[in-house]
Amino acid sequence: MRCFLCNMPLTLSHHGICSQCVKNLPKFNKICHQCNLPHSLSTNECYRCRDKKPYWDEMIAATEYIDPLKKLIQYLKFHNKVELANALARLMFLAWYQRRLSNGLVKPDIVTCVPLHHLRYWYRGFNQAALLAKPIARWLNRDFQPHLLSRKFAAHDQKNLSRKQRMNNVKTLFKCHHNLTNQSIMLIDDIVTTGNTINAISQQLKECGAVHVQIVCLCRTIL
């Protein structure tokens, strides 16, 4: 087994990406702990989140949406390279664990993922967010509930919409029918761009009783 990035032999084949490539991944500078975007304040929270607080509580991303992980995500999603999922999930878990060590991040009660509409699931054959979430839940020894949320109808592709259109596109898209009273939720997605999708989902989770929602993604687009 060789590293997915540098093609060198792996000592631990199940890692998928060697320790040297992990060390060389692009790093964030100072970021807001809530939205994972760069900021220059002395606090952990940026002015954007102070001005308009999102429904989720914390966000952790492994890196920006740039190469080399951008290419691996595209291979996973559009070229059915599902063997990448475990290695990419490990990067997300390492990013979460580093935040836990430095800031005392709470361990969630439930791990879930951003759902796909059933037509897109049928076309692709899998939900990439679920593939990433399942091993993370196992490593955390937590319950994985991939169907905690439902997607009510197929939306327009977010990447082709303006910011305002994206916000309107997700307002009534997701629904949670479970009682989450006093539960802490980890929501997994592969890429976070504007945050509108995860904010709509986080609102649903909070309305169902969740007391804490943390977002863990592989890549965060720097707007």
Protein backbone atom coordinates (compact mmCIF):
# COMPACT_ATOMS: atom_id res chain seq x y z
CA MET A 1 0.00 0.00 0.00
CA ARG A 2 1.33 3.42 -0.99
CA CYS A 3 0.53 6.94 0.14
CA PHE A 4 -2.33 8.47 -1.86
CA LEU A 5 -0.39 11.74 -2.15
CA CYS A 6 3.32 10.96 -2.58
CA ASN A 7 3.09 7.30 -3.67
CA MET A 8 5.72 6.22 -1.16
CA PRO A 9 5.26 2.88 0.68
CA LEU A 10 3.26 3.12 3.91
CA THR A 11 4.36 1.55 7.18
CA LEU A 12 0.74 1.60 8.34
CA SER A 13 -1.22 0.82 5.19
CA HIS A 14 -4.65 1.60 6.68
CA HIS A 15 -3.63 5.25 7.20
CA GLY A 16 -3.67 5.87 3.44
CA ILE A 17 -1.62 9.07 3.71
CA CYS A 18 1.91 9.06 5.15
CA SER A 19 2.92 11.11 8.19
CA GLN A 20 5.16 13.37 6.10
CA CYS A 21 2.33 14.31 3.75
CA VAL A 22 0.04 14.94 6.74
CA LYS A 23 2.67 17.33 8.16
CA ASN A 24 2.96 19.12 4.80
CA LEU A 25 -0.75 19.75 4.30
CA PRO A 26 -1.61 23.49 4.07
CA LYS A 27 -2.22 24.87 7.56
CA PHE A 28 -4.70 27.50 8.70
CA ASN A 29 -3.38 30.63 10.37
CA LYS A 30 -5.47 32.19 13.14
CA ILE A 31 -9.08 31.17 12.64
CA CYS A 32 -12.42 31.69 14.33
CA HIS A 33 -13.32 28.54 16.25
CA GLN A 34 -16.97 28.91 15.27
CA CYS A 35 -16.79 29.44 11.50
CA ASN A 36 -13.18 28.31 10.85
CA LEU A 37 -12.48 31.45 8.79
CA PRO A 38 -9.41 33.67 9.27
CA HIS A 39 -9.69 36.60 11.66
CA SER A 40 -7.42 38.99 13.53
CA LEU A 41 -9.22 39.49 16.86
CA SER A 42 -7.64 38.40 20.13
CA THR A 43 -10.67 36.21 20.89
CA ASN A 44 -11.54 32.78 19.46
CA GLU A 45 -14.69 34.21 17.85
CA CYS A 46 -14.57 36.52 14.81
CA TYR A 47 -16.65 39.67 14.28
CA ARG A 48 -18.83 37.85 11.72
CA CYS A 49 -19.96 35.26 14.25
CA ARG A 50 -20.42 37.95 16.91
CA ASP A 51 -22.58 39.99 14.55
CA LYS A 52 -24.66 37.08 13.26
CA LYS A 53 -24.15 33.96 15.34
CA PRO A 54 -24.70 30.72 13.42
CA TYR A 55 -26.77 27.90 14.88
CA TRP A 56 -23.79 25.57 15.21
CA ASP A 57 -21.29 26.04 18.04
CA GLU A 58 -17.89 25.06 16.63
CA MET A 59 -16.32 24.10 13.33
CA ILE A 60 -13.20 22.06 12.70
CA ALA A 61 -11.67 21.59 9.25
CA ALA A 62 -8.52 19.73 8.24
CA THR A 63 -7.45 22.27 5.62
CA GLU A 64 -8.65 24.74 2.98
CA TYR A 65 -10.42 23.56 -0.17
CA ILE A 66 -7.23 23.50 -2.20
CA ASP A 67 -4.91 20.81 -3.53
CA PRO A 68 -3.90 18.21 -2.62
CA LEU A 69 -7.09 17.35 -0.69
CA LYS A 70 -9.30 19.11 -3.23
CA LYS A 71 -8.19 16.58 -5.82
CA LEU A 72 -8.76 13.63 -3.47
CA ILE A 73 -12.29 14.83 -2.64
CA GLN A 74 -13.08 15.03 -6.34
CA TYR A 75 -11.74 11.51 -6.86
CA LEU A 76 -13.92 10.27 -4.00
CA LYS A 77 -17.12 12.02 -5.09
CA PHE A 78 -16.96 11.89 -8.86
CA HIS A 79 -14.71 8.93 -9.66
CA ASN A 80 -15.99 6.43 -7.07
CA LYS A 81 -12.64 6.20 -5.28
CA VAL A 82 -14.32 5.14 -2.03
CA GLU A 83 -11.04 3.64 -0.80
CA LEU A 84 -9.99 7.24 -0.04
CA ALA A 85 -12.70 7.73 2.57
CA ASN A 86 -10.92 6.16 5.54
CA ALA A 87 -7.72 8.16 4.98
CA LEU A 88 -9.64 11.43 4.60
CA ALA A 89 -11.75 10.68 7.68
CA ARG A 90 -8.52 10.16 9.63
CA LEU A 91 -7.37 13.69 8.70
CA MET A 92 -10.67 15.08 9.96
CA PHE A 93 -10.38 13.12 13.19
CA LEU A 94 -6.81 14.35 13.75
CA ALA A 95 -7.97 17.96 13.26
CA TRP A 96 -10.80 17.39 15.74
CA TYR A 97 -8.45 15.77 18.24
CA GLN A 98 -5.98 18.66 18.04
CA ARG A 99 -8.82 21.10 18.80
CA ARG A 100 -9.92 18.89 21.68
CA LEU A 101 -6.39 18.92 23.15
CA SER A 102 -5.99 22.69 22.82
CA ASN A 103 -9.52 23.85 23.70
CA GLY A 104 -11.22 21.05 25.60
CA LEU A 105 -13.68 20.29 22.80
CA VAL A 106 -16.58 18.18 24.03
CA LYS A 107 -17.02 14.62 22.79
CA PRO A 108 -20.38 14.31 21.00
CA ASP A 109 -23.18 11.93 21.91
CA ILE A 110 -24.20 11.33 18.30
CA VAL A 111 -22.35 11.50 14.98
CA THR A 112 -24.40 12.24 11.86
CA CYS A 113 -23.81 13.59 8.36
CA VAL A 114 -25.29 15.94 5.79
CA PRO A 115 -27.81 13.82 3.85
CA LEU A 116 -28.04 13.49 0.08
CA HIS A 117 -31.33 13.55 -1.74
CA HIS A 118 -32.27 9.98 -2.66
CA LEU A 119 -31.98 10.70 -6.41
CA ARG A 120 -28.41 11.93 -6.07
CA TYR A 121 -27.65 9.00 -3.79
CA TRP A 122 -29.03 6.64 -6.41
CA TYR A 123 -26.96 8.30 -9.13
CA ARG A 124 -23.70 8.38 -7.13
CA GLY A 125 -24.21 5.16 -5.20
CA PHE A 126 -23.06 6.57 -1.86
CA ASN A 127 -23.10 9.62 0.38
CA GLN A 128 -19.50 10.79 0.74
CA ALA A 129 -20.30 12.52 4.04
CA ALA A 130 -21.58 9.21 5.45
CA LEU A 131 -18.41 7.42 4.30
CA LEU A 132 -16.37 9.99 6.22
CA ALA A 133 -18.61 9.99 9.30
CA LYS A 134 -18.79 6.25 9.90
CA PRO A 135 -15.12 5.66 10.84
CA ILE A 136 -15.04 8.88 12.89
CA ALA A 137 -17.99 7.63 14.95
CA ARG A 138 -16.20 4.32 15.43
CA TRP A 139 -12.98 6.01 16.59
CA LEU A 140 -14.98 8.15 19.01
CA ASN A 141 -16.97 5.11 20.18
CA ARG A 142 -20.15 7.03 19.53
CA ASP A 143 -23.48 6.20 17.89
CA PHE A 144 -23.51 6.90 14.14
CA GLN A 145 -26.96 7.93 12.92
CA PRO A 146 -26.76 8.61 9.16
CA HIS A 147 -30.55 9.02 8.88
CA LEU A 148 -30.98 11.48 11.73
CA LEU A 149 -31.90 14.07 9.08
CA SER A 150 -33.97 13.83 5.94
CA ARG A 151 -33.63 15.88 2.78
CA LYS A 152 -37.09 16.91 1.65
CA PHE A 153 -36.48 17.59 -2.01
CA ALA A 154 -33.68 17.91 -4.52
CA ALA A 155 -32.16 21.39 -4.46
CA HIS A 156 -30.31 23.20 -7.19
CA ASP A 157 -26.58 22.54 -7.10
CA GLN A 158 -25.15 24.99 -4.56
CA LYS A 159 -21.94 25.67 -6.45
CA ASN A 160 -23.86 27.24 -9.36
CA LEU A 161 -25.85 29.69 -7.21
CA SER A 162 -25.23 33.17 -5.84
CA ARG A 163 -24.89 33.66 -2.07
CA LYS A 164 -28.51 34.86 -1.73
CA GLN A 165 -29.78 31.98 -3.87
CA ARG A 166 -27.80 29.50 -1.74
CA MET A 167 -29.45 30.80 1.43
CA ASN A 168 -32.94 30.49 -0.05
CA ASN A 169 -32.07 27.09 -1.49
CA VAL A 170 -31.56 25.42 1.90
CA LYS A 171 -34.09 27.16 4.17
CA THR A 172 -36.67 24.35 4.10
CA LEU A 173 -34.53 21.60 2.65
CA PHE A 174 -33.73 19.52 5.76
CA LYS A 175 -35.86 18.02 8.52
CA CYS A 176 -35.09 16.25 11.77
CA HIS A 177 -37.87 14.20 13.40
CA HIS A 178 -35.89 12.86 16.39
CA ASN A 179 -35.93 13.97 20.01
CA LEU A 180 -32.39 15.25 20.70
CA THR A 181 -33.00 16.74 24.15
CA ASN A 182 -29.68 17.41 25.92
CA GLN A 183 -27.72 15.69 23.14
CA SER A 184 -24.43 16.88 21.67
CA ILE A 185 -24.20 16.34 17.90
CA MET A 186 -21.23 16.09 15.55
CA LEU A 187 -22.27 16.91 11.97
CA ILE A 188 -19.93 15.68 9.23
CA ASP A 189 -19.57 17.10 5.72
CA ASP A 190 -16.79 16.94 3.16
CA ILE A 191 -16.67 20.64 2.20
CA VAL A 192 -18.13 23.75 3.84
CA THR A 193 -18.40 26.78 1.56
CA THR A 194 -20.86 29.46 2.70
CA GLY A 195 -22.12 27.47 5.68
CA ASN A 196 -25.77 27.88 4.68
CA THR A 197 -26.43 24.14 4.47
CA ILE A 198 -24.90 23.29 7.83
CA ASN A 199 -26.60 26.30 9.42
CA ALA A 200 -30.03 25.14 8.24
CA ILE A 201 -29.29 21.64 9.55
CA SER A 202 -27.93 22.99 12.85
CA GLN A 203 -31.12 25.01 13.32
CA GLN A 204 -33.16 21.84 12.88
CA LEU A 205 -30.97 19.97 15.38
CA LYS A 206 -31.27 22.77 17.95
CA GLU A 207 -35.06 22.95 17.48
CA CYS A 208 -35.19 19.20 18.22
CA GLY A 209 -33.39 19.75 21.51
CA ALA A 210 -29.67 19.46 20.73
CA VAL A 211 -27.62 21.50 23.19
CA HIS A 212 -24.37 21.56 21.19
CA VAL A 213 -23.59 21.13 17.49
CA GLN A 214 -20.04 20.84 16.23
CA ILE A 215 -19.22 20.74 12.53
CA VAL A 216 -16.31 18.62 11.33
CA CYS A 217 -15.36 18.87 7.66
CA LEU A 218 -12.40 17.92 5.54
CA CYS A 219 -12.09 21.28 3.78
CA ARG A 220 -13.28 24.80 4.50
CA THR A 221 -13.52 27.21 1.60
CA ILE A 222 -11.93 30.55 2.52
CA LEU A 223 -14.35 33.17 1.17
